[in-house]
Amino acid sequence: MVNAVFRLPVKYREVIVLAYFHDLTMNEIGSVTEINVNTVKSRTAKAKVLLKQILLEGSGGHGKSVNGSKGSDAQGRIG
């Protein structure tokens, strides 16, 4: 799971790490990062969707990569 978190884009990773690894509330995350609490909430929701995609990829799912394009395999082939 930690590996999946570190595959997230920084803006999504940041809120997940602060919320789930440092146990901060949405308001605290907003204060620490100086972003609006509604933005924190929307980034957290989007991060969860992206994490699900990443985890499904790792379990043999055939979804798209985090950035929305087809992923590549270990040899760099697009697939």
PDB file of N, CA and C in Angstrom:
ATOM      1  N   MET A   1       0.822  -1.197   0.000  1.00  0.00           N
ATOM      2  CA  MET A   1       0.000   0.000   0.000  1.00  0.00           C
ATOM      3  C   MET A   1       0.861   1.254   0.000  1.00  0.00           C
ATOM      4  N   VAL A   2       1.931   1.248   0.781  1.00  0.00           N
ATOM      5  CA  VAL A   2       2.812   2.420   0.839  1.00  0.00           C
ATOM      6  C   VAL A   2       3.406   2.694  -0.530  1.00  0.00           C
ATOM      7  N   ASN A   3       3.793   1.643  -1.256  1.00  0.00           N
ATOM      8  CA  ASN A   3       4.330   1.832  -2.605  1.00  0.00           C
ATOM      9  C   ASN A   3       3.306   2.494  -3.513  1.00  0.00           C
ATOM     10  N   ALA A   4       2.054   2.119  -3.367  1.00  0.00           N
ATOM     11  CA  ALA A   4       0.989   2.725  -4.172  1.00  0.00           C
ATOM     12  C   ALA A   4       0.849   4.207  -3.851  1.00  0.00           C
ATOM     13  N   VAL A   5       0.935   4.561  -2.589  1.00  0.00           N
ATOM     14  CA  VAL A   5       0.838   5.969  -2.183  1.00  0.00           C
ATOM     15  C   VAL A   5       1.950   6.779  -2.834  1.00  0.00           C
ATOM     16  N   PHE A   6       3.148   6.221  -2.889  1.00  0.00           N
ATOM     17  CA  PHE A   6       4.269   6.961  -3.455  1.00  0.00           C
ATOM     18  C   PHE A   6       4.234   7.037  -4.971  1.00  0.00           C
ATOM     19  N   ARG A   7       3.323   6.338  -5.598  1.00  0.00           N
ATOM     20  CA  ARG A   7       3.115   6.469  -7.040  1.00  0.00           C
ATOM     21  C   ARG A   7       2.137   7.590  -7.383  1.00  0.00           C
ATOM     22  N   LEU A   8       1.464   8.127  -6.373  1.00  0.00           N
ATOM     23  CA  LEU A   8       0.522   9.226  -6.605  1.00  0.00           C
ATOM     24  C   LEU A   8       1.263  10.509  -6.975  1.00  0.00           C
ATOM     25  N   PRO A   9       0.624  11.370  -7.781  1.00  0.00           N
ATOM     26  CA  PRO A   9       1.184  12.711  -7.988  1.00  0.00           C
ATOM     27  C   PRO A   9       1.293  13.427  -6.639  1.00  0.00           C
ATOM     28  N   VAL A  10       2.258  14.316  -6.511  1.00  0.00           N
ATOM     29  CA  VAL A  10       2.579  14.950  -5.227  1.00  0.00           C
ATOM     30  C   VAL A  10       1.372  15.590  -4.553  1.00  0.00           C
ATOM     31  N   LYS A  11       0.554  16.310  -5.296  1.00  0.00           N
ATOM     32  CA  LYS A  11      -0.563  17.021  -4.651  1.00  0.00           C
ATOM     33  C   LYS A  11      -1.565  16.065  -4.008  1.00  0.00           C
ATOM     34  N   TYR A  12      -1.673  14.860  -4.542  1.00  0.00           N
ATOM     35  CA  TYR A  12      -2.565  13.862  -3.950  1.00  0.00           C
ATOM     36  C   TYR A  12      -1.858  13.069  -2.851  1.00  0.00           C
ATOM     37  N   ARG A  13      -0.616  12.762  -3.083  1.00  0.00           N
ATOM     38  CA  ARG A  13       0.179  12.041  -2.079  1.00  0.00           C
ATOM     39  C   ARG A  13       0.234  12.831  -0.778  1.00  0.00           C
ATOM     40  N   GLU A  14       0.443  14.132  -0.892  1.00  0.00           N
ATOM     41  CA  GLU A  14       0.578  15.002   0.275  1.00  0.00           C
ATOM     42  C   GLU A  14      -0.615  14.872   1.228  1.00  0.00           C
ATOM     43  N   VAL A  15      -1.832  14.958   0.700  1.00  0.00           N
ATOM     44  CA  VAL A  15      -3.003  14.899   1.576  1.00  0.00           C
ATOM     45  C   VAL A  15      -3.205  13.512   2.174  1.00  0.00           C
ATOM     46  N   ILE A  16      -2.893  12.469   1.402  1.00  0.00           N
ATOM     47  CA  ILE A  16      -3.029  11.099   1.918  1.00  0.00           C
ATOM     48  C   ILE A  16      -2.032  10.844   3.042  1.00  0.00           C
ATOM     49  N   VAL A  17      -0.803  11.249   2.837  1.00  0.00           N
ATOM     50  CA  VAL A  17       0.224  11.042   3.868  1.00  0.00           C
ATOM     51  C   VAL A  17      -0.146  11.797   5.142  1.00  0.00           C
ATOM     52  N   LEU A  18      -0.567  13.036   5.000  1.00  0.00           N
ATOM     53  CA  LEU A  18      -0.921  13.820   6.193  1.00  0.00           C
ATOM     54  C   LEU A  18      -2.160  13.255   6.895  1.00  0.00           C
ATOM     55  N   ALA A  19      -3.129  12.798   6.126  1.00  0.00           N
ATOM     56  CA  ALA A  19      -4.364  12.287   6.726  1.00  0.00           C
ATOM     57  C   ALA A  19      -4.184  10.910   7.355  1.00  0.00           C
ATOM     58  N   TYR A  20      -3.536  10.002   6.645  1.00  0.00           N
ATOM     59  CA  TYR A  20      -3.513   8.609   7.082  1.00  0.00           C
ATOM     60  C   TYR A  20      -2.226   8.165   7.768  1.00  0.00           C
ATOM     61  N   PHE A  21      -1.140   8.886   7.528  1.00  0.00           N
ATOM     62  CA  PHE A  21       0.116   8.512   8.173  1.00  0.00           C
ATOM     63  C   PHE A  21       0.425   9.426   9.362  1.00  0.00           C
ATOM     64  N   HIS A  22      -0.135  10.647   9.330  1.00  0.00           N
ATOM     65  CA  HIS A  22       0.090  11.593  10.430  1.00  0.00           C
ATOM     66  C   HIS A  22      -1.190  11.917  11.194  1.00  0.00           C
ATOM     67  N   ASP A  23      -2.277  11.298  10.800  1.00  0.00           N
ATOM     68  CA  ASP A  23      -3.579  11.440  11.490  1.00  0.00           C
ATOM     69  C   ASP A  23      -4.047  12.882  11.638  1.00  0.00           C
ATOM     70  N   LEU A  24      -3.816  13.703  10.621  1.00  0.00           N
ATOM     71  CA  LEU A  24      -4.304  15.078  10.659  1.00  0.00           C
ATOM     72  C   LEU A  24      -5.731  15.141  10.134  1.00  0.00           C
ATOM     73  N   THR A  25      -6.504  16.079  10.655  1.00  0.00           N
ATOM     74  CA  THR A  25      -7.856  16.311  10.152  1.00  0.00           C
ATOM     75  C   THR A  25      -7.772  17.106   8.853  1.00  0.00           C
ATOM     76  N   MET A  26      -8.881  17.188   8.146  1.00  0.00           N
ATOM     77  CA  MET A  26      -8.921  17.971   6.906  1.00  0.00           C
ATOM     78  C   MET A  26      -8.568  19.440   7.186  1.00  0.00           C
ATOM     79  N   ASN A  27      -9.096  19.972   8.281  1.00  0.00           N
ATOM     80  CA  ASN A  27      -8.784  21.362   8.643  1.00  0.00           C
ATOM     81  C   ASN A  27      -7.296  21.543   8.950  1.00  0.00           C
ATOM     82  N   GLU A  28      -6.717  20.590   9.654  1.00  0.00           N
ATOM     83  CA  GLU A  28      -5.283  20.669   9.967  1.00  0.00           C
ATOM     84  C   GLU A  28      -4.434  20.579   8.700  1.00  0.00           C
ATOM     85  N   ILE A  29      -4.829  19.709   7.787  1.00  0.00           N
ATOM     86  CA  ILE A  29      -4.103  19.590   6.524  1.00  0.00           C
ATOM     87  C   ILE A  29      -4.181  20.900   5.747  1.00  0.00           C
ATOM     88  N   GLY A  30      -5.354  21.509   5.736  1.00  0.00           N
ATOM     89  CA  GLY A  30      -5.514  22.801   5.071  1.00  0.00           C
ATOM     90  C   GLY A  30      -4.605  23.860   5.661  1.00  0.00           C
ATOM     91  N   SER A  31      -4.499  23.862   6.981  1.00  0.00           N
ATOM     92  CA  SER A  31      -3.632  24.839   7.647  1.00  0.00           C
ATOM     93  C   SER A  31      -2.160  24.580   7.334  1.00  0.00           C
ATOM     94  N   VAL A  32      -1.748  23.339   7.421  1.00  0.00           N
ATOM     95  CA  VAL A  32      -0.344  22.972   7.200  1.00  0.00           C
ATOM     96  C   VAL A  32       0.076  23.259   5.760  1.00  0.00           C
ATOM     97  N   THR A  33      -0.790  22.929   4.816  1.00  0.00           N
ATOM     98  CA  THR A  33      -0.443  23.064   3.400  1.00  0.00           C
ATOM     99  C   THR A  33      -0.841  24.413   2.812  1.00  0.00           C
ATOM    100  N   GLU A  34      -1.592  25.179   3.594  1.00  0.00           N
ATOM    101  CA  GLU A  34      -2.094  26.490   3.163  1.00  0.00           C
ATOM    102  C   GLU A  34      -2.979  26.380   1.921  1.00  0.00           C
ATOM    103  N   ILE A  35      -3.798  25.310   1.901  1.00  0.00           N
ATOM    104  CA  ILE A  35      -4.797  25.193   0.852  1.00  0.00           C
ATOM    105  C   ILE A  35      -6.174  25.099   1.498  1.00  0.00           C
ATOM    106  N   ASN A  36      -7.180  25.507   0.744  1.00  0.00           N
ATOM    107  CA  ASN A  36      -8.557  25.528   1.228  1.00  0.00           C
ATOM    108  C   ASN A  36      -8.995  24.123   1.632  1.00  0.00           C
ATOM    109  N   VAL A  37      -9.751  24.021   2.713  1.00  0.00           N
ATOM    110  CA  VAL A  37     -10.181  22.717   3.218  1.00  0.00           C
ATOM    111  C   VAL A  37     -11.025  21.962   2.187  1.00  0.00           C
ATOM    112  N   ASN A  38     -11.793  22.681   1.367  1.00  0.00           N
ATOM    113  CA  ASN A  38     -12.561  22.008   0.315  1.00  0.00           C
ATOM    114  C   ASN A  38     -11.633  21.396  -0.741  1.00  0.00           C
ATOM    115  N   THR A  39     -10.522  22.054  -1.006  1.00  0.00           N
ATOM    116  CA  THR A  39      -9.524  21.501  -1.922  1.00  0.00           C
ATOM    117  C   THR A  39      -8.890  20.257  -1.310  1.00  0.00           C
ATOM    118  N   VAL A  40      -8.627  20.297  -0.005  1.00  0.00           N
ATOM    119  CA  VAL A  40      -8.085  19.126   0.692  1.00  0.00           C
ATOM    120  C   VAL A  40      -9.048  17.952   0.540  1.00  0.00           C
ATOM    121  N   LYS A  41     -10.319  18.204   0.736  1.00  0.00           N
ATOM    122  CA  LYS A  41     -11.324  17.144   0.633  1.00  0.00           C
ATOM    123  C   LYS A  41     -11.399  16.575  -0.780  1.00  0.00           C
ATOM    124  N   SER A  42     -11.383  17.454  -1.786  1.00  0.00           N
ATOM    125  CA  SER A  42     -11.479  16.957  -3.159  1.00  0.00           C
ATOM    126  C   SER A  42     -10.214  16.205  -3.569  1.00  0.00           C
ATOM    127  N   ARG A  43      -9.043  16.674  -3.118  1.00  0.00           N
ATOM    128  CA  ARG A  43      -7.795  15.963  -3.426  1.00  0.00           C
ATOM    129  C   ARG A  43      -7.752  14.602  -2.734  1.00  0.00           C
ATOM    130  N   THR A  44      -8.293  14.538  -1.532  1.00  0.00           N
ATOM    131  CA  THR A  44      -8.336  13.264  -0.811  1.00  0.00           C
ATOM    132  C   THR A  44      -9.237  12.277  -1.553  1.00  0.00           C
ATOM    133  N   ALA A  45     -10.383  12.748  -2.000  1.00  0.00           N
ATOM    134  CA  ALA A  45     -11.303  11.883  -2.748  1.00  0.00           C
ATOM    135  C   ALA A  45     -10.659  11.407  -4.053  1.00  0.00           C
ATOM    136  N   LYS A  46     -10.026  12.312  -4.780  1.00  0.00           N
ATOM    137  CA  LYS A  46      -9.360  11.945  -6.034  1.00  0.00           C
ATOM    138  C   LYS A  46      -8.208  10.983  -5.766  1.00  0.00           C
ATOM    139  N   ALA A  47      -7.464  11.216  -4.698  1.00  0.00           N
ATOM    140  CA  ALA A  47      -6.342  10.344  -4.346  1.00  0.00           C
ATOM    141  C   ALA A  47      -6.826   8.920  -4.089  1.00  0.00           C
ATOM    142  N   LYS A  48      -7.966   8.773  -3.452  1.00  0.00           N
ATOM    143  CA  LYS A  48      -8.518   7.440  -3.183  1.00  0.00           C
ATOM    144  C   LYS A  48      -8.874   6.726  -4.481  1.00  0.00           C
ATOM    145  N   VAL A  49      -9.423   7.464  -5.433  1.00  0.00           N
ATOM    146  CA  VAL A  49      -9.749   6.881  -6.740  1.00  0.00           C
ATOM    147  C   VAL A  49      -8.468   6.427  -7.432  1.00  0.00           C
ATOM    148  N   LEU A  50      -7.443   7.283  -7.414  1.00  0.00           N
ATOM    149  CA  LEU A  50      -6.172   6.936  -8.041  1.00  0.00           C
ATOM    150  C   LEU A  50      -5.505   5.754  -7.354  1.00  0.00           C
ATOM    151  N   LEU A  51      -5.571   5.711  -6.025  1.00  0.00           N
ATOM    152  CA  LEU A  51      -5.002   4.571  -5.293  1.00  0.00           C
ATOM    153  C   LEU A  51      -5.688   3.267  -5.679  1.00  0.00           C
ATOM    154  N   LYS A  52      -6.989   3.322  -5.829  1.00  0.00           N
ATOM    155  CA  LYS A  52      -7.726   2.127  -6.240  1.00  0.00           C
ATOM    156  C   LYS A  52      -7.236   1.649  -7.603  1.00  0.00           C
ATOM    157  N   GLN A  53      -7.042   2.591  -8.535  1.00  0.00           N
ATOM    158  CA  GLN A  53      -6.541   2.231  -9.865  1.00  0.00           C
ATOM    159  C   GLN A  53      -5.155   1.606  -9.770  1.00  0.00           C
ATOM    160  N   ILE A  54      -4.288   2.207  -8.978  1.00  0.00           N
ATOM    161  CA  ILE A  54      -2.926   1.698  -8.817  1.00  0.00           C
ATOM    162  C   ILE A  54      -2.953   0.289  -8.237  1.00  0.00           C
ATOM    163  N   LEU A  55      -3.755   0.087  -7.210  1.00  0.00           N
ATOM    164  CA  LEU A  55      -3.828  -1.219  -6.564  1.00  0.00           C
ATOM    165  C   LEU A  55      -4.421  -2.273  -7.493  1.00  0.00           C
ATOM    166  N   LEU A  56      -5.396  -1.887  -8.300  1.00  0.00           N
ATOM    167  CA  LEU A  56      -5.970  -2.822  -9.263  1.00  0.00           C
ATOM    168  C   LEU A  56      -4.950  -3.194 -10.332  1.00  0.00           C
ATOM    169  N   GLU A  57      -4.140  -2.238 -10.755  1.00  0.00           N
ATOM    170  CA  GLU A  57      -3.069  -2.529 -11.718  1.00  0.00           C
ATOM    171  C   GLU A  57      -2.125  -3.576 -11.137  1.00  0.00           C
ATOM    172  N   GLY A  58      -1.775  -3.406  -9.867  1.00  0.00           N
ATOM    173  CA  GLY A  58      -0.847  -4.314  -9.213  1.00  0.00           C
ATOM    174  C   GLY A  58      -1.401  -5.710  -9.028  1.00  0.00           C
ATOM    175  N   SER A  59      -2.731  -5.837  -9.033  1.00  0.00           N
ATOM    176  CA  SER A  59      -3.332  -7.157  -8.852  1.00  0.00           C
ATOM    177  C   SER A  59      -3.728  -7.783 -10.184  1.00  0.00           C
ATOM    178  N   GLY A  60      -3.193  -7.240 -11.264  1.00  0.00           N
ATOM    179  CA  GLY A  60      -3.467  -7.816 -12.576  1.00  0.00           C
ATOM    180  C   GLY A  60      -4.613  -7.160 -13.297  1.00  0.00           C
ATOM    181  N   GLY A  61      -5.155  -6.063 -12.743  1.00  0.00           N
ATOM    182  CA  GLY A  61      -6.212  -5.335 -13.431  1.00  0.00           C
ATOM    183  C   GLY A  61      -5.677  -4.728 -14.717  1.00  0.00           C
ATOM    184  N   HIS A  62      -6.547  -4.399 -15.625  1.00  0.00           N
ATOM    185  CA  HIS A  62      -6.116  -3.868 -16.911  1.00  0.00           C
ATOM    186  C   HIS A  62      -6.591  -2.436 -17.083  1.00  0.00           C
ATOM    187  N   GLY A  63      -6.571  -1.663 -16.012  1.00  0.00           N
ATOM    188  CA  GLY A  63      -7.005  -0.279 -16.067  1.00  0.00           C
ATOM    189  C   GLY A  63      -5.940   0.615 -16.649  1.00  0.00           C
ATOM    190  N   LYS A  64      -6.281   1.881 -16.734  1.00  0.00           N
ATOM    191  CA  LYS A  64      -5.328   2.864 -17.224  1.00  0.00           C
ATOM    192  C   LYS A  64      -4.388   3.249 -16.091  1.00  0.00           C
ATOM    193  N   SER A  65      -3.254   3.827 -16.459  1.00  0.00           N
ATOM    194  CA  SER A  65      -2.311   4.268 -15.440  1.00  0.00           C
ATOM    195  C   SER A  65      -2.847   5.518 -14.746  1.00  0.00           C
ATOM    196  N   VAL A  66      -2.166   5.966 -13.720  1.00  0.00           N
ATOM    197  CA  VAL A  66      -2.613   7.086 -12.898  1.00  0.00           C
ATOM    198  C   VAL A  66      -2.816   8.344 -13.721  1.00  0.00           C
ATOM    199  N   ASN A  67      -1.975   8.570 -14.722  1.00  0.00           N
ATOM    200  CA  ASN A  67      -2.099   9.794 -15.502  1.00  0.00           C
ATOM    201  C   ASN A  67      -3.136   9.675 -16.619  1.00  0.00           C
ATOM    202  N   GLY A  68      -3.839   8.551 -16.680  1.00  0.00           N
ATOM    203  CA  GLY A  68      -4.927   8.393 -17.626  1.00  0.00           C
ATOM    204  C   GLY A  68      -4.540   7.757 -18.951  1.00  0.00           C
ATOM    205  N   SER A  69      -3.263   7.470 -19.152  1.00  0.00           N
ATOM    206  CA  SER A  69      -2.830   6.839 -20.389  1.00  0.00           C
ATOM    207  C   SER A  69      -2.558   5.370 -20.138  1.00  0.00           C
ATOM    208  N   LYS A  70      -2.411   4.629 -21.210  1.00  0.00           N
ATOM    209  CA  LYS A  70      -2.055   3.224 -21.056  1.00  0.00           C
ATOM    210  C   LYS A  70      -0.678   3.138 -20.423  1.00  0.00           C
ATOM    211  N   GLY A  71      -0.480   2.188 -19.566  1.00  0.00           N
ATOM    212  CA  GLY A  71       0.797   2.005 -18.895  1.00  0.00           C
ATOM    213  C   GLY A  71       1.783   1.268 -19.771  1.00  0.00           C
ATOM    214  N   SER A  72       2.975   1.076 -19.254  1.00  0.00           N
ATOM    215  CA  SER A  72       3.970   0.286 -19.968  1.00  0.00           C
ATOM    216  C   SER A  72       4.440  -0.826 -19.052  1.00  0.00           C
ATOM    217  N   ASP A  73       4.930  -1.896 -19.655  1.00  0.00           N
ATOM    218  CA  ASP A  73       5.398  -3.011 -18.843  1.00  0.00           C
ATOM    219  C   ASP A  73       6.845  -2.786 -18.419  1.00  0.00           C
ATOM    220  N   ALA A  74       7.439  -3.767 -17.769  1.00  0.00           N
ATOM    221  CA  ALA A  74       8.791  -3.627 -17.230  1.00  0.00           C
ATOM    222  C   ALA A  74       9.827  -3.361 -18.310  1.00  0.00           C
ATOM    223  N   GLN A  75       9.549  -3.776 -19.558  1.00  0.00           N
ATOM    224  CA  GLN A  75      10.486  -3.537 -20.648  1.00  0.00           C
ATOM    225  C   GLN A  75      10.203  -2.222 -21.372  1.00  0.00           C
ATOM    226  N   GLY A  76       9.218  -1.465 -20.897  1.00  0.00           N
ATOM    227  CA  GLY A  76       8.908  -0.171 -21.489  1.00  0.00           C
ATOM    228  C   GLY A  76       7.937  -0.222 -22.653  1.00  0.00           C
ATOM    229  N   ARG A  77       7.351  -1.392 -22.905  1.00  0.00           N
ATOM    230  CA  ARG A  77       6.398  -1.512 -23.999  1.00  0.00           C
ATOM    231  C   ARG A  77       5.055  -0.935 -23.573  1.00  0.00           C
ATOM    232  N   ILE A  78       4.454  -0.165 -24.428  1.00  0.00           N
ATOM    233  CA  ILE A  78       3.137   0.400 -24.143  1.00  0.00           C
ATOM    234  C   ILE A  78       2.116  -0.706 -24.332  1.00  0.00           C
ATOM    235  N   GLY A  79       1.177  -0.779 -23.375  1.00  0.00           N
ATOM    236  CA  GLY A  79       0.228  -1.883 -23.508  1.00  0.00           C
ATOM    237  C   GLY A  79      -1.029  -1.574 -22.959  1.00  0.00           C
TER     238      GLY A  79
END
